[in-house]
Amino acid sequence: MDKGIAKFFEGLGACDNGAEWAKGRASLRETWETCERSDWMIWALRRIGFRDDRKYRLFACACVRGTPLADGRTLWDLLTDQRSRNAVEVAERYAEGKASEEERQEARVGAADAADAAAAAAYAAADAAYAAYAAAYAAAYAAYAAADARANARKWQANLLRQWISWDEVDAAIAAYQAK
């Protein structure tokens, strides 16, 4: 273990869990290459000043399209309202310079409207389910299954992020951060 790694992440203000995990790594490169938490990786990238909105946007879209769910579907399969799918498609085109800001804003509003409609339906379903003890028991069981699915999804996203952002890019951002 490199004590400099612990100090590096401490200096970034890492959460206790993340800092503790990083302490077990031999190098910053190993930390990047073995992390299974895309949220931690993105947090670290932002803290060291890595700014590539195009890559972040395309990574987010790729996560929506491909993040696996426990039942074999992906997040994309959950987007049953075309307005939500359109928002992802427009975001991809926007990242590539093929959609205007106006198109992006229209897609955002459409997706927000779709989310509001879905939330209203979910609240109604939750109210109905709350009345039944069996539903509450099933929800608790689903929560345990969801934790495993969440860990698998994070691992998948971490591997995807490494495809979008190379170690060389991370290393250059770390060098620039440390030079400040």
N, C-alpha and C. Protein backbone atom coordinates (compact mmCIF):
# COMPACT_ATOMS: atom_id res chain seq x y z
N MET A 1 0.83 -1.19 0.00
CA MET A 1 0.00 0.00 0.00
C MET A 1 0.88 1.25 0.00
N ASP A 2 0.50 2.22 -0.78
CA ASP A 2 1.19 3.50 -0.88
C ASP A 2 0.47 4.49 0.03
N LYS A 3 1.17 4.98 1.07
CA LYS A 3 0.54 5.92 2.00
C LYS A 3 0.18 7.22 1.31
N GLY A 4 0.86 7.50 0.18
CA GLY A 4 0.54 8.69 -0.59
C GLY A 4 -0.86 8.63 -1.17
N ILE A 5 -1.35 7.42 -1.44
CA ILE A 5 -2.71 7.26 -1.98
C ILE A 5 -3.73 7.69 -0.95
N ALA A 6 -3.53 7.25 0.29
CA ALA A 6 -4.46 7.64 1.36
C ALA A 6 -4.47 9.16 1.52
N LYS A 7 -3.30 9.77 1.49
CA LYS A 7 -3.22 11.23 1.63
C LYS A 7 -3.86 11.92 0.43
N PHE A 8 -3.65 11.36 -0.76
CA PHE A 8 -4.23 11.94 -1.96
C PHE A 8 -5.76 11.99 -1.84
N PHE A 9 -6.37 10.86 -1.49
CA PHE A 9 -7.83 10.82 -1.39
C PHE A 9 -8.34 11.60 -0.18
N GLU A 10 -7.55 11.64 0.87
CA GLU A 10 -7.91 12.46 2.02
C GLU A 10 -7.93 13.93 1.60
N GLY A 11 -6.94 14.33 0.81
CA GLY A 11 -6.87 15.71 0.32
C GLY A 11 -8.03 16.07 -0.59
N LEU A 12 -8.56 15.07 -1.30
CA LEU A 12 -9.72 15.32 -2.16
C LEU A 12 -11.02 15.40 -1.35
N GLY A 13 -10.96 14.94 -0.10
CA GLY A 13 -12.16 14.94 0.73
C GLY A 13 -13.03 13.71 0.53
N ALA A 14 -12.39 12.57 0.28
CA ALA A 14 -13.13 11.33 0.03
C ALA A 14 -13.96 10.94 1.24
N CYS A 15 -15.08 10.28 0.99
CA CYS A 15 -15.91 9.76 2.08
C CYS A 15 -15.13 8.66 2.81
N ASP A 16 -15.53 8.34 4.01
CA ASP A 16 -14.81 7.34 4.80
C ASP A 16 -14.73 6.00 4.09
N ASN A 17 -15.83 5.54 3.49
CA ASN A 17 -15.82 4.25 2.81
C ASN A 17 -14.86 4.25 1.62
N GLY A 18 -14.91 5.32 0.83
CA GLY A 18 -14.03 5.41 -0.33
C GLY A 18 -12.58 5.50 0.07
N ALA A 19 -12.28 6.32 1.07
CA ALA A 19 -10.90 6.48 1.53
C ALA A 19 -10.36 5.16 2.07
N GLU A 20 -11.19 4.45 2.83
CA GLU A 20 -10.77 3.17 3.39
C GLU A 20 -10.49 2.16 2.27
N TRP A 21 -11.36 2.12 1.26
CA TRP A 21 -11.15 1.22 0.13
C TRP A 21 -9.84 1.57 -0.60
N ALA A 22 -9.61 2.84 -0.84
CA ALA A 22 -8.43 3.28 -1.58
C ALA A 22 -7.13 2.95 -0.84
N LYS A 23 -7.18 2.90 0.48
CA LYS A 23 -5.98 2.59 1.26
C LYS A 23 -5.40 1.22 0.91
N GLY A 24 -6.24 0.32 0.43
CA GLY A 24 -5.77 -1.02 0.10
C GLY A 24 -5.15 -1.14 -1.27
N ARG A 25 -5.04 -0.06 -2.01
CA ARG A 25 -4.49 -0.10 -3.37
C ARG A 25 -3.01 0.24 -3.34
N ALA A 26 -2.27 -0.33 -4.29
CA ALA A 26 -0.82 -0.11 -4.36
C ALA A 26 -0.45 1.15 -5.13
N SER A 27 -1.36 1.63 -6.00
CA SER A 27 -1.06 2.81 -6.81
C SER A 27 -2.36 3.49 -7.23
N LEU A 28 -2.23 4.72 -7.69
CA LEU A 28 -3.43 5.41 -8.19
C LEU A 28 -3.97 4.69 -9.42
N ARG A 29 -3.09 4.17 -10.24
CA ARG A 29 -3.54 3.43 -11.43
C ARG A 29 -4.35 2.21 -11.01
N GLU A 30 -3.85 1.46 -10.04
CA GLU A 30 -4.59 0.29 -9.55
C GLU A 30 -5.94 0.73 -8.98
N THR A 31 -5.96 1.85 -8.32
CA THR A 31 -7.21 2.37 -7.77
C THR A 31 -8.21 2.59 -8.90
N TRP A 32 -7.78 3.23 -9.97
CA TRP A 32 -8.65 3.48 -11.12
C TRP A 32 -9.10 2.17 -11.77
N GLU A 33 -8.16 1.26 -11.94
CA GLU A 33 -8.44 0.04 -12.70
C GLU A 33 -9.24 -1.01 -11.93
N THR A 34 -9.31 -0.89 -10.61
CA THR A 34 -10.03 -1.90 -9.83
C THR A 34 -11.29 -1.38 -9.16
N CYS A 35 -11.52 -0.10 -9.22
CA CYS A 35 -12.71 0.46 -8.56
C CYS A 35 -13.97 -0.09 -9.24
N GLU A 36 -14.93 -0.51 -8.44
CA GLU A 36 -16.19 -1.02 -8.96
C GLU A 36 -17.34 -0.06 -8.70
N ARG A 37 -17.02 1.18 -8.35
CA ARG A 37 -18.04 2.18 -8.05
C ARG A 37 -17.88 3.36 -9.02
N SER A 38 -18.69 3.37 -10.06
CA SER A 38 -18.61 4.46 -11.03
C SER A 38 -18.89 5.80 -10.38
N ASP A 39 -19.73 5.83 -9.36
CA ASP A 39 -20.02 7.10 -8.69
C ASP A 39 -18.76 7.63 -8.00
N TRP A 40 -17.97 6.77 -7.39
CA TRP A 40 -16.71 7.20 -6.78
C TRP A 40 -15.74 7.69 -7.85
N MET A 41 -15.69 6.97 -8.96
CA MET A 41 -14.76 7.33 -10.03
C MET A 41 -15.10 8.71 -10.61
N ILE A 42 -16.36 8.94 -10.85
CA ILE A 42 -16.77 10.25 -11.39
C ILE A 42 -16.52 11.34 -10.36
N TRP A 43 -16.79 11.05 -9.11
CA TRP A 43 -16.52 12.02 -8.04
C TRP A 43 -15.03 12.39 -8.07
N ALA A 44 -14.16 11.38 -8.14
CA ALA A 44 -12.71 11.66 -8.13
C ALA A 44 -12.30 12.45 -9.37
N LEU A 45 -12.85 12.07 -10.52
CA LEU A 45 -12.53 12.82 -11.75
C LEU A 45 -12.90 14.29 -11.61
N ARG A 46 -14.07 14.55 -11.07
CA ARG A 46 -14.52 15.94 -10.91
C ARG A 46 -13.64 16.68 -9.91
N ARG A 47 -13.25 16.00 -8.83
CA ARG A 47 -12.42 16.64 -7.80
C ARG A 47 -11.03 17.00 -8.33
N ILE A 48 -10.49 16.19 -9.24
CA ILE A 48 -9.16 16.50 -9.77
C ILE A 48 -9.24 17.43 -10.98
N GLY A 49 -10.44 17.80 -11.34
CA GLY A 49 -10.60 18.79 -12.40
C GLY A 49 -10.74 18.23 -13.80
N PHE A 50 -11.01 16.93 -13.92
CA PHE A 50 -11.22 16.35 -15.26
C PHE A 50 -12.55 16.87 -15.78
N ARG A 51 -12.48 17.59 -16.88
CA ARG A 51 -13.69 18.17 -17.48
C ARG A 51 -13.75 17.79 -18.95
N ASP A 52 -14.67 16.92 -19.25
CA ASP A 52 -14.94 16.57 -20.64
C ASP A 52 -16.44 16.29 -20.71
N ASP A 53 -17.21 17.35 -20.88
CA ASP A 53 -18.67 17.22 -20.86
C ASP A 53 -19.17 16.25 -21.90
N ARG A 54 -18.51 16.19 -23.04
CA ARG A 54 -18.93 15.26 -24.09
C ARG A 54 -18.83 13.83 -23.58
N LYS A 55 -17.70 13.48 -22.99
CA LYS A 55 -17.52 12.12 -22.49
C LYS A 55 -18.49 11.82 -21.34
N TYR A 56 -18.66 12.77 -20.43
CA TYR A 56 -19.60 12.55 -19.33
C TYR A 56 -21.02 12.33 -19.87
N ARG A 57 -21.42 13.15 -20.83
CA ARG A 57 -22.77 13.04 -21.40
C ARG A 57 -22.95 11.70 -22.12
N LEU A 58 -21.97 11.31 -22.93
CA LEU A 58 -22.08 10.05 -23.66
C LEU A 58 -22.02 8.85 -22.71
N PHE A 59 -21.22 8.95 -21.67
CA PHE A 59 -21.17 7.89 -20.66
C PHE A 59 -22.53 7.75 -20.00
N ALA A 60 -23.14 8.86 -19.62
CA ALA A 60 -24.46 8.81 -18.97
C ALA A 60 -25.50 8.16 -19.90
N CYS A 61 -25.46 8.52 -21.16
CA CYS A 61 -26.39 7.92 -22.13
C CYS A 61 -26.13 6.43 -22.28
N ALA A 62 -24.86 6.05 -22.32
CA ALA A 62 -24.51 4.63 -22.44
C ALA A 62 -24.98 3.86 -21.20
N CYS A 63 -24.92 4.50 -20.04
CA CYS A 63 -25.41 3.86 -18.82
C CYS A 63 -26.92 3.62 -18.91
N VAL A 64 -27.65 4.60 -19.41
CA VAL A 64 -29.09 4.43 -19.55
C VAL A 64 -29.39 3.30 -20.53
N ARG A 65 -28.67 3.25 -21.60
CA ARG A 65 -28.92 2.23 -22.63
C ARG A 65 -28.52 0.82 -22.16
N GLY A 66 -27.46 0.72 -21.38
CA GLY A 66 -26.90 -0.61 -21.14
C GLY A 66 -26.83 -1.13 -19.72
N THR A 67 -27.05 -0.29 -18.70
CA THR A 67 -26.91 -0.78 -17.33
C THR A 67 -27.86 -1.96 -17.09
N PRO A 68 -27.29 -3.09 -16.69
CA PRO A 68 -28.12 -4.29 -16.51
C PRO A 68 -28.96 -4.23 -15.24
N LEU A 69 -30.14 -4.80 -15.34
CA LEU A 69 -31.02 -4.97 -14.20
C LEU A 69 -31.02 -6.44 -13.79
N ALA A 70 -31.49 -6.72 -12.61
CA ALA A 70 -31.46 -8.09 -12.09
C ALA A 70 -32.25 -9.06 -12.94
N ASP A 71 -33.27 -8.57 -13.62
CA ASP A 71 -34.14 -9.46 -14.40
C ASP A 71 -33.70 -9.64 -15.85
N GLY A 72 -32.50 -9.15 -16.19
CA GLY A 72 -31.98 -9.32 -17.53
C GLY A 72 -32.26 -8.16 -18.47
N ARG A 73 -33.12 -7.25 -18.05
CA ARG A 73 -33.38 -6.06 -18.87
C ARG A 73 -32.30 -5.03 -18.57
N THR A 74 -32.39 -3.88 -19.25
CA THR A 74 -31.50 -2.76 -18.99
C THR A 74 -32.34 -1.56 -18.58
N LEU A 75 -31.67 -0.51 -18.12
CA LEU A 75 -32.40 0.72 -17.78
C LEU A 75 -33.22 1.22 -18.96
N TRP A 76 -32.66 1.09 -20.17
CA TRP A 76 -33.36 1.54 -21.37
C TRP A 76 -34.75 0.90 -21.46
N ASP A 77 -34.84 -0.37 -21.07
CA ASP A 77 -36.12 -1.07 -21.14
C ASP A 77 -37.17 -0.46 -20.21
N LEU A 78 -36.72 0.23 -19.18
CA LEU A 78 -37.66 0.87 -18.25
C LEU A 78 -38.23 2.17 -18.81
N LEU A 79 -37.58 2.70 -19.83
CA LEU A 79 -38.07 3.95 -20.44
C LEU A 79 -39.18 3.61 -21.44
N THR A 80 -40.37 3.48 -20.92
CA THR A 80 -41.48 3.09 -21.78
C THR A 80 -42.16 4.29 -22.43
N ASP A 81 -41.87 5.46 -21.93
CA ASP A 81 -42.43 6.69 -22.52
C ASP A 81 -41.42 7.22 -23.55
N GLN A 82 -41.86 7.38 -24.77
CA GLN A 82 -40.97 7.80 -25.85
C GLN A 82 -40.29 9.14 -25.55
N ARG A 83 -40.94 9.99 -24.74
CA ARG A 83 -40.31 11.28 -24.40
C ARG A 83 -39.02 11.07 -23.63
N SER A 84 -38.98 10.04 -22.79
CA SER A 84 -37.76 9.75 -22.03
C SER A 84 -36.66 9.21 -22.95
N ARG A 85 -37.03 8.32 -23.83
CA ARG A 85 -36.05 7.78 -24.79
C ARG A 85 -35.54 8.90 -25.70
N ASN A 86 -36.43 9.77 -26.10
CA ASN A 86 -36.03 10.89 -26.95
C ASN A 86 -34.99 11.77 -26.25
N ALA A 87 -35.15 11.97 -24.95
CA ALA A 87 -34.19 12.80 -24.21
C ALA A 87 -32.79 12.19 -24.27
N VAL A 88 -32.69 10.87 -24.17
CA VAL A 88 -31.39 10.21 -24.25
C VAL A 88 -30.83 10.35 -25.67
N GLU A 89 -31.67 10.12 -26.65
CA GLU A 89 -31.22 10.21 -28.05
C GLU A 89 -30.75 11.63 -28.39
N VAL A 90 -31.49 12.63 -27.92
CA VAL A 90 -31.10 14.02 -28.18
C VAL A 90 -29.81 14.34 -27.43
N ALA A 91 -29.67 13.85 -26.22
CA ALA A 91 -28.44 14.09 -25.45
C ALA A 91 -27.23 13.51 -26.18
N GLU A 92 -27.38 12.34 -26.76
CA GLU A 92 -26.28 11.74 -27.53
C GLU A 92 -25.94 12.61 -28.73
N ARG A 93 -26.96 13.03 -29.45
CA ARG A 93 -26.72 13.88 -30.63
C ARG A 93 -26.12 15.22 -30.21
N TYR A 94 -26.58 15.77 -29.11
CA TYR A 94 -26.06 17.05 -28.61
C TYR A 94 -24.57 16.92 -28.28
N ALA A 95 -24.20 15.81 -27.65
CA ALA A 95 -22.80 15.59 -27.30
C ALA A 95 -21.91 15.52 -28.53
N GLU A 96 -22.48 15.06 -29.62
CA GLU A 96 -21.74 14.94 -30.88
C GLU A 96 -21.88 16.18 -31.75
N GLY A 97 -22.55 17.23 -31.23
CA GLY A 97 -22.72 18.46 -31.98
C GLY A 97 -23.77 18.36 -33.07
N LYS A 98 -24.68 17.40 -32.96
CA LYS A 98 -25.68 17.17 -34.00
C LYS A 98 -27.10 17.54 -33.55
N ALA A 99 -27.24 18.16 -32.39
CA ALA A 99 -28.54 18.64 -31.90
C ALA A 99 -28.32 20.03 -31.30
N SER A 100 -29.30 20.88 -31.45
CA SER A 100 -29.19 22.25 -30.94
C SER A 100 -29.54 22.32 -29.46
N GLU A 101 -29.19 23.43 -28.86
CA GLU A 101 -29.58 23.68 -27.46
C GLU A 101 -31.09 23.68 -27.33
N GLU A 102 -31.77 24.23 -28.31
CA GLU A 102 -33.24 24.26 -28.29
C GLU A 102 -33.81 22.83 -28.29
N GLU A 103 -33.25 21.96 -29.12
CA GLU A 103 -33.70 20.57 -29.14
C GLU A 103 -33.45 19.90 -27.79
N ARG A 104 -32.29 20.20 -27.21
CA ARG A 104 -31.94 19.62 -25.91
C ARG A 104 -32.93 20.06 -24.85
N GLN A 105 -33.27 21.35 -24.85
CA GLN A 105 -34.21 21.87 -23.86
C GLN A 105 -35.61 21.27 -24.05
N GLU A 106 -36.05 21.15 -25.31
CA GLU A 106 -37.36 20.55 -25.59
C GLU A 106 -37.40 19.10 -25.12
N ALA A 107 -36.33 18.36 -25.36
CA ALA A 107 -36.26 16.96 -24.93
C ALA A 107 -36.26 16.88 -23.41
N ARG A 108 -35.55 17.82 -22.75
CA ARG A 108 -35.51 17.83 -21.28
C ARG A 108 -36.90 18.06 -20.71
N VAL A 109 -37.63 19.00 -21.28
CA VAL A 109 -38.99 19.29 -20.80
C VAL A 109 -39.88 18.07 -21.02
N GLY A 110 -39.77 17.44 -22.19
CA GLY A 110 -40.56 16.24 -22.47
C GLY A 110 -40.27 15.13 -21.48
N ALA A 111 -38.99 14.92 -21.19
CA ALA A 111 -38.60 13.87 -20.24
C ALA A 111 -39.10 14.21 -18.83
N ALA A 112 -39.04 15.49 -18.47
CA ALA A 112 -39.55 15.90 -17.15
C ALA A 112 -41.06 15.65 -17.05
N ASP A 113 -41.79 15.95 -18.12
CA ASP A 113 -43.23 15.68 -18.14
C ASP A 113 -43.49 14.18 -18.01
N ALA A 114 -42.70 13.37 -18.71
CA ALA A 114 -42.85 11.92 -18.62
C ALA A 114 -42.56 11.43 -17.21
N ALA A 115 -41.53 12.00 -16.59
CA ALA A 115 -41.18 11.62 -15.22
C ALA A 115 -42.28 12.01 -14.24
N ASP A 116 -42.87 13.20 -14.43
CA ASP A 116 -43.97 13.62 -13.57
C ASP A 116 -45.15 12.66 -13.69
N ALA A 117 -45.46 12.25 -14.92
CA ALA A 117 -46.56 11.32 -15.13
C ALA A 117 -46.26 9.97 -14.48
N ALA A 118 -45.03 9.51 -14.62
CA ALA A 118 -44.64 8.23 -14.02
C ALA A 118 -44.66 8.31 -12.50
N ALA A 119 -44.23 9.45 -11.95
CA ALA A 119 -44.23 9.62 -10.50
C ALA A 119 -45.66 9.59 -9.95
N ALA A 120 -46.57 10.23 -10.64
CA ALA A 120 -47.96 10.23 -10.20
C ALA A 120 -48.50 8.80 -10.19
N ALA A 121 -48.19 8.03 -11.21
CA ALA A 121 -48.65 6.64 -11.27
C ALA A 121 -47.99 5.82 -10.16
N ALA A 122 -46.70 6.07 -9.91
CA ALA A 122 -45.99 5.33 -8.87
C ALA A 122 -46.55 5.64 -7.49
N TYR A 123 -46.88 6.91 -7.23
CA TYR A 123 -47.48 7.26 -5.94
C TYR A 123 -48.81 6.55 -5.74
N ALA A 124 -49.62 6.50 -6.78
CA ALA A 124 -50.92 5.82 -6.69
C ALA A 124 -50.70 4.33 -6.42
N ALA A 125 -49.74 3.73 -7.10
CA ALA A 125 -49.46 2.31 -6.89
C ALA A 125 -48.90 2.07 -5.49
N ALA A 126 -48.05 2.98 -5.02
CA ALA A 126 -47.46 2.84 -3.69
C ALA A 126 -48.54 2.94 -2.61
N ASP A 127 -49.50 3.85 -2.79
CA ASP A 127 -50.59 3.97 -1.83
C ASP A 127 -51.39 2.68 -1.76
N ALA A 128 -51.65 2.08 -2.91
CA ALA A 128 -52.40 0.83 -2.94
C ALA A 128 -51.60 -0.30 -2.31
N ALA A 129 -50.30 -0.35 -2.61
CA ALA A 129 -49.46 -1.42 -2.09
C ALA A 129 -49.24 -1.29 -0.58
N TYR A 130 -49.22 -0.07 -0.10
CA TYR A 130 -48.97 0.16 1.32
C TYR A 130 -50.05 -0.47 2.18
N ALA A 131 -51.24 -0.55 1.64
CA ALA A 131 -52.36 -1.10 2.41
C ALA A 131 -52.20 -2.59 2.66
N ALA A 132 -51.41 -3.26 1.87
CA ALA A 132 -51.30 -4.72 2.00
C ALA A 132 -49.99 -5.12 2.66
N TYR A 133 -50.07 -5.92 3.71
CA TYR A 133 -48.87 -6.40 4.39
C TYR A 133 -48.00 -7.22 3.45
N ALA A 134 -48.63 -8.01 2.62
CA ALA A 134 -47.88 -8.85 1.69
C ALA A 134 -47.04 -8.01 0.74
N ALA A 135 -47.57 -6.89 0.34
CA ALA A 135 -46.82 -6.01 -0.55
C ALA A 135 -45.60 -5.44 0.17
N ALA A 136 -45.77 -5.12 1.43
CA ALA A 136 -44.64 -4.58 2.20
C ALA A 136 -43.55 -5.65 2.35
N TYR A 137 -43.96 -6.88 2.60
CA TYR A 137 -43.00 -7.97 2.72
C TYR A 137 -42.27 -8.18 1.39
N ALA A 138 -43.03 -8.16 0.30
CA ALA A 138 -42.44 -8.33 -1.02
C ALA A 138 -41.47 -7.19 -1.32
N ALA A 139 -41.81 -5.98 -0.90
CA ALA A 139 -40.94 -4.83 -1.14
C ALA A 139 -39.62 -4.99 -0.38
N ALA A 140 -39.69 -5.53 0.86
CA ALA A 140 -38.47 -5.74 1.63
C ALA A 140 -37.58 -6.77 0.93
N TYR A 141 -38.18 -7.83 0.43
CA TYR A 141 -37.42 -8.86 -0.29
C TYR A 141 -36.80 -8.25 -1.55
N ALA A 142 -37.59 -7.45 -2.25
CA ALA A 142 -37.10 -6.82 -3.47
C ALA A 142 -35.94 -5.88 -3.17
N ALA A 143 -35.97 -5.22 -2.01
CA ALA A 143 -34.89 -4.31 -1.63
C ALA A 143 -33.57 -5.06 -1.50
N TYR A 144 -33.62 -6.27 -0.91
CA TYR A 144 -32.40 -7.06 -0.79
C TYR A 144 -31.88 -7.45 -2.17
N ALA A 145 -32.77 -7.87 -3.05
CA ALA A 145 -32.38 -8.24 -4.41
C ALA A 145 -31.85 -7.02 -5.15
N ALA A 146 -32.47 -5.87 -4.90
CA ALA A 146 -32.05 -4.63 -5.56
C ALA A 146 -30.63 -4.24 -5.15
N ALA A 147 -30.25 -4.53 -3.92
CA ALA A 147 -28.89 -4.19 -3.47
C ALA A 147 -27.85 -4.95 -4.29
N ASP A 148 -28.10 -6.24 -4.54
CA ASP A 148 -27.19 -7.02 -5.38
C ASP A 148 -27.18 -6.48 -6.80
N ALA A 149 -28.36 -6.18 -7.32
CA ALA A 149 -28.45 -5.64 -8.68
C ALA A 149 -27.73 -4.30 -8.77
N ARG A 150 -27.85 -3.48 -7.73
CA ARG A 150 -27.18 -2.18 -7.73
C ARG A 150 -25.66 -2.35 -7.76
N ALA A 151 -25.15 -3.30 -6.99
CA ALA A 151 -23.71 -3.54 -6.98
C ALA A 151 -23.25 -4.02 -8.36
N ASN A 152 -24.02 -4.92 -8.97
CA ASN A 152 -23.66 -5.39 -10.31
C ASN A 152 -23.73 -4.26 -11.33
N ALA A 153 -24.73 -3.41 -11.21
CA ALA A 153 -24.86 -2.28 -12.13
C ALA A 153 -23.70 -1.31 -11.96
N ARG A 154 -23.31 -1.04 -10.73
CA ARG A 154 -22.17 -0.14 -10.49
C ARG A 154 -20.90 -0.70 -11.10
N LYS A 155 -20.69 -2.01 -10.93
CA LYS A 155 -19.50 -2.65 -11.50
C LYS A 155 -19.51 -2.52 -13.02
N TRP A 156 -20.66 -2.78 -13.63
CA TRP A 156 -20.79 -2.65 -15.08
C TRP A 156 -20.49 -1.23 -15.51
N GLN A 157 -21.03 -0.24 -14.79
CA GLN A 157 -20.81 1.16 -15.13
C GLN A 157 -19.35 1.56 -14.93
N ALA A 158 -18.70 1.03 -13.89
CA ALA A 158 -17.28 1.35 -13.67
C ALA A 158 -16.44 0.84 -14.84
N ASN A 159 -16.73 -0.37 -15.29
CA ASN A 159 -16.00 -0.90 -16.45
C ASN A 159 -16.27 -0.08 -17.70
N LEU A 160 -17.51 0.36 -17.86
CA LEU A 160 -17.85 1.20 -19.01
C LEU A 160 -17.11 2.54 -18.94
N LEU A 161 -17.04 3.12 -17.74
CA LEU A 161 -16.36 4.41 -17.59
C LEU A 161 -14.89 4.29 -17.97
N ARG A 162 -14.27 3.17 -17.61
CA ARG A 162 -12.86 2.97 -17.99
C ARG A 162 -12.71 2.88 -19.51
N GLN A 163 -13.75 2.46 -20.22
CA GLN A 163 -13.70 2.44 -21.68
C GLN A 163 -13.81 3.86 -22.24
N TRP A 164 -14.55 4.72 -21.57
CA TRP A 164 -14.75 6.09 -22.04
C TRP A 164 -13.60 7.00 -21.66
N ILE A 165 -13.02 6.76 -20.47
CA ILE A 165 -11.95 7.63 -19.96
C ILE A 165 -10.76 6.75 -19.62
N SER A 166 -9.69 6.90 -20.36
CA SER A 166 -8.51 6.04 -20.21
C SER A 166 -7.68 6.44 -18.99
N TRP A 167 -6.84 5.50 -18.56
CA TRP A 167 -5.93 5.81 -17.46
C TRP A 167 -5.02 6.97 -17.83
N ASP A 168 -4.58 7.05 -19.08
CA ASP A 168 -3.71 8.15 -19.49
C ASP A 168 -4.39 9.50 -19.28
N GLU A 169 -5.68 9.59 -19.57
CA GLU A 169 -6.42 10.84 -19.34
C GLU A 169 -6.52 11.14 -17.85
N VAL A 170 -6.76 10.11 -17.06
CA VAL A 170 -6.84 10.28 -15.60
C VAL A 170 -5.50 10.72 -15.06
N ASP A 171 -4.45 10.05 -15.50
CA ASP A 171 -3.10 10.37 -15.03
C ASP A 171 -2.74 11.82 -15.36
N ALA A 172 -3.10 12.27 -16.56
CA ALA A 172 -2.82 13.66 -16.94
C ALA A 172 -3.60 14.63 -16.07
N ALA A 173 -4.84 14.29 -15.76
CA ALA A 173 -5.65 15.16 -14.89
C ALA A 173 -5.08 15.19 -13.47
N ILE A 174 -4.59 14.06 -12.98
CA ILE A 174 -3.97 14.02 -11.65
C ILE A 174 -2.72 14.89 -11.64
N ALA A 175 -1.91 14.77 -12.67
CA ALA A 175 -0.68 15.60 -12.75
C ALA A 175 -1.02 17.07 -12.75
N ALA A 176 -2.03 17.47 -13.52
CA ALA A 176 -2.44 18.87 -13.57
C ALA A 176 -2.96 19.32 -12.21
N TYR A 177 -3.72 18.46 -11.55
CA TYR A 177 -4.27 18.78 -10.23
C TYR A 177 -3.14 18.96 -9.22
N GLN A 178 -2.18 18.06 -9.24
CA GLN A 178 -1.07 18.13 -8.28
C GLN A 178 -0.13 19.29 -8.57
N ALA A 179 -0.10 19.78 -9.80
CA ALA A 179 0.77 20.89 -10.16
C ALA A 179 0.23 22.22 -9.66
N LYS A 180 -1.04 22.25 -9.29
CA LYS A 180 -1.64 23.52 -8.82
C LYS A 180 -1.09 23.95 -7.49
